[in-house]
Amino acid sequence: MAPRAAPGGARGRTGRLLRPESTRRRPAAHLAGRVTLLGDAIHPMSPAGGTGANTALRDAAVLADKLTAVRRPAGPVSAVAAYETEMRRYGFAAVAESLRYGERFAQAIRHAGKENHR
């Protein structure tokens, strides 16, 4: 028997519990290097609304733009830093939006369950 979702949580397609607190944590700021993160690796989201997939695609496009605009001597590290600065602005706004979608979805499921038990 699968465990129940915690209050305020929703269950993804894999059955894993998505808790709001796991999507609210932002990674600590760090100095940019030659390695960066994109998509759910940096800003995990609820599957509700498809916001995560759209944000991951945006991450890839922004990083590609920054890398193709690199001019020496700045190099790729400056491109990664520029990507991370921009991504933090829109990425974590998308996390908050996804959380709102997930909470509304969970409320609708709970409401539908109550309606079916009348």
C-alpha atoms as a PDB file:
ATOM      1  CA  MET A   1       0.000   0.000   0.000  1.00  0.00           C
ATOM      2  CA  ALA A   2       1.422   3.392  -1.007  1.00  0.00           C
ATOM      3  CA  PRO A   3       1.913   6.025   1.703  1.00  0.00           C
ATOM      4  CA  ARG A   4      -0.466   8.959   1.668  1.00  0.00           C
ATOM      5  CA  ALA A   5       0.585  12.426   0.572  1.00  0.00           C
ATOM      6  CA  ALA A   6       1.385  14.738   3.443  1.00  0.00           C
ATOM      7  CA  PRO A   7      -0.819  17.801   3.919  1.00  0.00           C
ATOM      8  CA  GLY A   8       0.091  20.269   1.203  1.00  0.00           C
ATOM      9  CA  GLY A   9       1.951  17.610  -0.766  1.00  0.00           C
ATOM     10  CA  ALA A  10       1.123  16.046  -4.100  1.00  0.00           C
ATOM     11  CA  ARG A  11       2.164  12.765  -5.653  1.00  0.00           C
ATOM     12  CA  GLY A  12       4.004  12.763  -8.977  1.00  0.00           C
ATOM     13  CA  ARG A  13       3.606  10.169 -11.750  1.00  0.00           C
ATOM     14  CA  THR A  14       6.260   7.988 -10.138  1.00  0.00           C
ATOM     15  CA  GLY A  15       4.321   7.960  -6.878  1.00  0.00           C
ATOM     16  CA  ARG A  16       7.033   9.935  -5.070  1.00  0.00           C
ATOM     17  CA  LEU A  17       5.758  12.472  -2.636  1.00  0.00           C
ATOM     18  CA  LEU A  18       6.441  16.063  -3.640  1.00  0.00           C
ATOM     19  CA  ARG A  19       6.603  18.176  -0.541  1.00  0.00           C
ATOM     20  CA  PRO A  20       6.395  21.966  -0.808  1.00  0.00           C
ATOM     21  CA  GLU A  21       9.391  22.453   1.478  1.00  0.00           C
ATOM     22  CA  SER A  22      11.628  20.535  -0.952  1.00  0.00           C
ATOM     23  CA  THR A  23      10.852  23.011  -3.725  1.00  0.00           C
ATOM     24  CA  ARG A  24      11.265  26.142  -1.591  1.00  0.00           C
ATOM     25  CA  ARG A  25      14.947  25.629  -0.782  1.00  0.00           C
ATOM     26  CA  ARG A  26      17.342  27.659  -2.909  1.00  0.00           C
ATOM     27  CA  PRO A  27      20.911  26.499  -3.282  1.00  0.00           C
ATOM     28  CA  ALA A  28      23.433  28.780  -1.653  1.00  0.00           C
ATOM     29  CA  ALA A  29      25.106  31.314  -3.917  1.00  0.00           C
ATOM     30  CA  HIS A  30      28.553  30.294  -5.098  1.00  0.00           C
ATOM     31  CA  LEU A  31      31.271  31.456  -7.440  1.00  0.00           C
ATOM     32  CA  ALA A  32      30.605  30.390 -11.000  1.00  0.00           C
ATOM     33  CA  GLY A  33      32.958  27.876 -12.539  1.00  0.00           C
ATOM     34  CA  ARG A  34      33.133  25.702 -15.616  1.00  0.00           C
ATOM     35  CA  VAL A  35      30.273  23.491 -14.371  1.00  0.00           C
ATOM     36  CA  THR A  36      26.679  24.588 -13.878  1.00  0.00           C
ATOM     37  CA  LEU A  37      23.237  23.073 -13.379  1.00  0.00           C
ATOM     38  CA  LEU A  38      20.079  23.265 -15.480  1.00  0.00           C
ATOM     39  CA  GLY A  39      16.460  22.238 -15.008  1.00  0.00           C
ATOM     40  CA  ASP A  40      15.403  20.195 -11.990  1.00  0.00           C
ATOM     41  CA  ALA A  41      19.028  19.791 -10.934  1.00  0.00           C
ATOM     42  CA  ILE A  42      18.979  23.411  -9.754  1.00  0.00           C
ATOM     43  CA  HIS A  43      15.277  24.229  -9.331  1.00  0.00           C
ATOM     44  CA  PRO A  44      13.133  21.126  -8.661  1.00  0.00           C
ATOM     45  CA  MET A  45       9.423  21.555  -9.309  1.00  0.00           C
ATOM     46  CA  SER A  46       6.106  19.833  -9.057  1.00  0.00           C
ATOM     47  CA  PRO A  47       5.021  18.243 -12.342  1.00  0.00           C
ATOM     48  CA  ALA A  48       1.828  20.320 -12.168  1.00  0.00           C
ATOM     49  CA  GLY A  49       1.441  22.647 -15.136  1.00  0.00           C
ATOM     50  CA  GLY A  50       4.577  21.585 -17.034  1.00  0.00           C
ATOM     51  CA  THR A  51       6.487  24.530 -15.621  1.00  0.00           C
ATOM     52  CA  GLY A  52       9.599  22.457 -14.932  1.00  0.00           C
ATOM     53  CA  ALA A  53      10.022  21.264 -18.512  1.00  0.00           C
ATOM     54  CA  ASN A  54       9.501  24.768 -19.883  1.00  0.00           C
ATOM     55  CA  THR A  55      12.004  26.221 -17.428  1.00  0.00           C
ATOM     56  CA  ALA A  56      14.602  23.546 -18.254  1.00  0.00           C
ATOM     57  CA  LEU A  57      14.284  24.407 -21.953  1.00  0.00           C
ATOM     58  CA  ARG A  58      14.656  28.085 -21.124  1.00  0.00           C
ATOM     59  CA  ASP A  59      17.769  27.270 -19.070  1.00  0.00           C
ATOM     60  CA  ALA A  60      19.319  25.506 -22.064  1.00  0.00           C
ATOM     61  CA  ALA A  61      18.511  28.395 -24.411  1.00  0.00           C
ATOM     62  CA  VAL A  62      19.869  31.047 -22.032  1.00  0.00           C
ATOM     63  CA  LEU A  63      23.066  29.084 -21.365  1.00  0.00           C
ATOM     64  CA  ALA A  64      23.586  28.516 -25.106  1.00  0.00           C
ATOM     65  CA  ASP A  65      23.126  32.247 -25.782  1.00  0.00           C
ATOM     66  CA  LYS A  66      25.597  33.184 -23.065  1.00  0.00           C
ATOM     67  CA  LEU A  67      28.194  30.651 -24.228  1.00  0.00           C
ATOM     68  CA  THR A  68      27.971  31.664 -27.890  1.00  0.00           C
ATOM     69  CA  ALA A  69      28.436  35.312 -26.917  1.00  0.00           C
ATOM     70  CA  VAL A  70      31.732  34.594 -25.092  1.00  0.00           C
ATOM     71  CA  ARG A  71      34.714  36.634 -26.187  1.00  0.00           C
ATOM     72  CA  ARG A  72      38.216  36.022 -24.941  1.00  0.00           C
ATOM     73  CA  PRO A  73      39.705  36.780 -22.421  1.00  0.00           C
ATOM     74  CA  ALA A  74      36.466  36.539 -20.387  1.00  0.00           C
ATOM     75  CA  GLY A  75      35.996  32.881 -21.326  1.00  0.00           C
ATOM     76  CA  PRO A  76      33.216  30.432 -20.496  1.00  0.00           C
ATOM     77  CA  VAL A  77      33.249  31.086 -16.743  1.00  0.00           C
ATOM     78  CA  SER A  78      31.851  34.589 -17.320  1.00  0.00           C
ATOM     79  CA  ALA A  79      29.146  33.068 -19.555  1.00  0.00           C
ATOM     80  CA  VAL A  80      28.214  30.552 -16.851  1.00  0.00           C
ATOM     81  CA  ALA A  81      28.062  33.363 -14.267  1.00  0.00           C
ATOM     82  CA  ALA A  82      25.786  35.428 -16.544  1.00  0.00           C
ATOM     83  CA  TYR A  83      23.532  32.398 -17.126  1.00  0.00           C
ATOM     84  CA  GLU A  84      23.303  31.644 -13.397  1.00  0.00           C
ATOM     85  CA  THR A  85      22.421  35.253 -12.559  1.00  0.00           C
ATOM     86  CA  GLU A  86      19.610  35.304 -15.122  1.00  0.00           C
ATOM     87  CA  MET A  87      18.415  31.782 -14.274  1.00  0.00           C
ATOM     88  CA  ARG A  88      18.088  32.599 -10.578  1.00  0.00           C
ATOM     89  CA  ARG A  89      15.663  35.416 -11.434  1.00  0.00           C
ATOM     90  CA  TYR A  90      13.237  33.437 -13.597  1.00  0.00           C
ATOM     91  CA  GLY A  91      13.976  29.917 -12.320  1.00  0.00           C
ATOM     92  CA  PHE A  92      12.937  30.390  -8.733  1.00  0.00           C
ATOM     93  CA  ALA A  93       9.905  32.455  -9.753  1.00  0.00           C
ATOM     94  CA  ALA A  94       8.916  29.385 -11.804  1.00  0.00           C
ATOM     95  CA  VAL A  95       9.438  27.167  -8.728  1.00  0.00           C
ATOM     96  CA  ALA A  96       6.993  29.318  -6.764  1.00  0.00           C
ATOM     97  CA  GLU A  97       4.485  29.211  -9.643  1.00  0.00           C
ATOM     98  CA  SER A  98       4.808  25.423  -9.896  1.00  0.00           C
ATOM     99  CA  LEU A  99       4.218  25.100  -6.162  1.00  0.00           C
ATOM    100  CA  ARG A 100       1.021  27.156  -6.470  1.00  0.00           C
ATOM    101  CA  TYR A 101      -0.167  24.909  -9.337  1.00  0.00           C
ATOM    102  CA  GLY A 102       0.647  21.818  -7.297  1.00  0.00           C
ATOM    103  CA  GLU A 103      -1.240  23.104  -4.260  1.00  0.00           C
ATOM    104  CA  ARG A 104      -4.316  23.921  -6.386  1.00  0.00           C
ATOM    105  CA  PHE A 105      -4.124  20.483  -8.006  1.00  0.00           C
ATOM    106  CA  ALA A 106      -3.893  18.771  -4.600  1.00  0.00           C
ATOM    107  CA  GLN A 107      -6.896  20.794  -3.361  1.00  0.00           C
ATOM    108  CA  ALA A 108      -8.922  19.785  -6.415  1.00  0.00           C
ATOM    109  CA  ILE A 109      -8.058  16.114  -5.842  1.00  0.00           C
ATOM    110  CA  ARG A 110      -9.045  16.324  -2.164  1.00  0.00           C
ATOM    111  CA  HIS A 111     -12.301  18.093  -3.105  1.00  0.00           C
ATOM    112  CA  ALA A 112     -13.097  15.486  -5.764  1.00  0.00           C
ATOM    113  CA  GLY A 113     -12.456  12.724  -3.230  1.00  0.00           C
ATOM    114  CA  LYS A 114     -14.910  14.298  -0.790  1.00  0.00           C
ATOM    115  CA  GLU A 115     -17.530  14.641  -3.541  1.00  0.00           C
ATOM    116  CA  ASN A 116     -17.156  10.955  -4.458  1.00  0.00           C
ATOM    117  CA  HIS A 117     -17.703   9.838  -0.847  1.00  0.00           C
ATOM    118  CA  ARG A 118     -21.047  11.576  -0.380  1.00  0.00           C
END
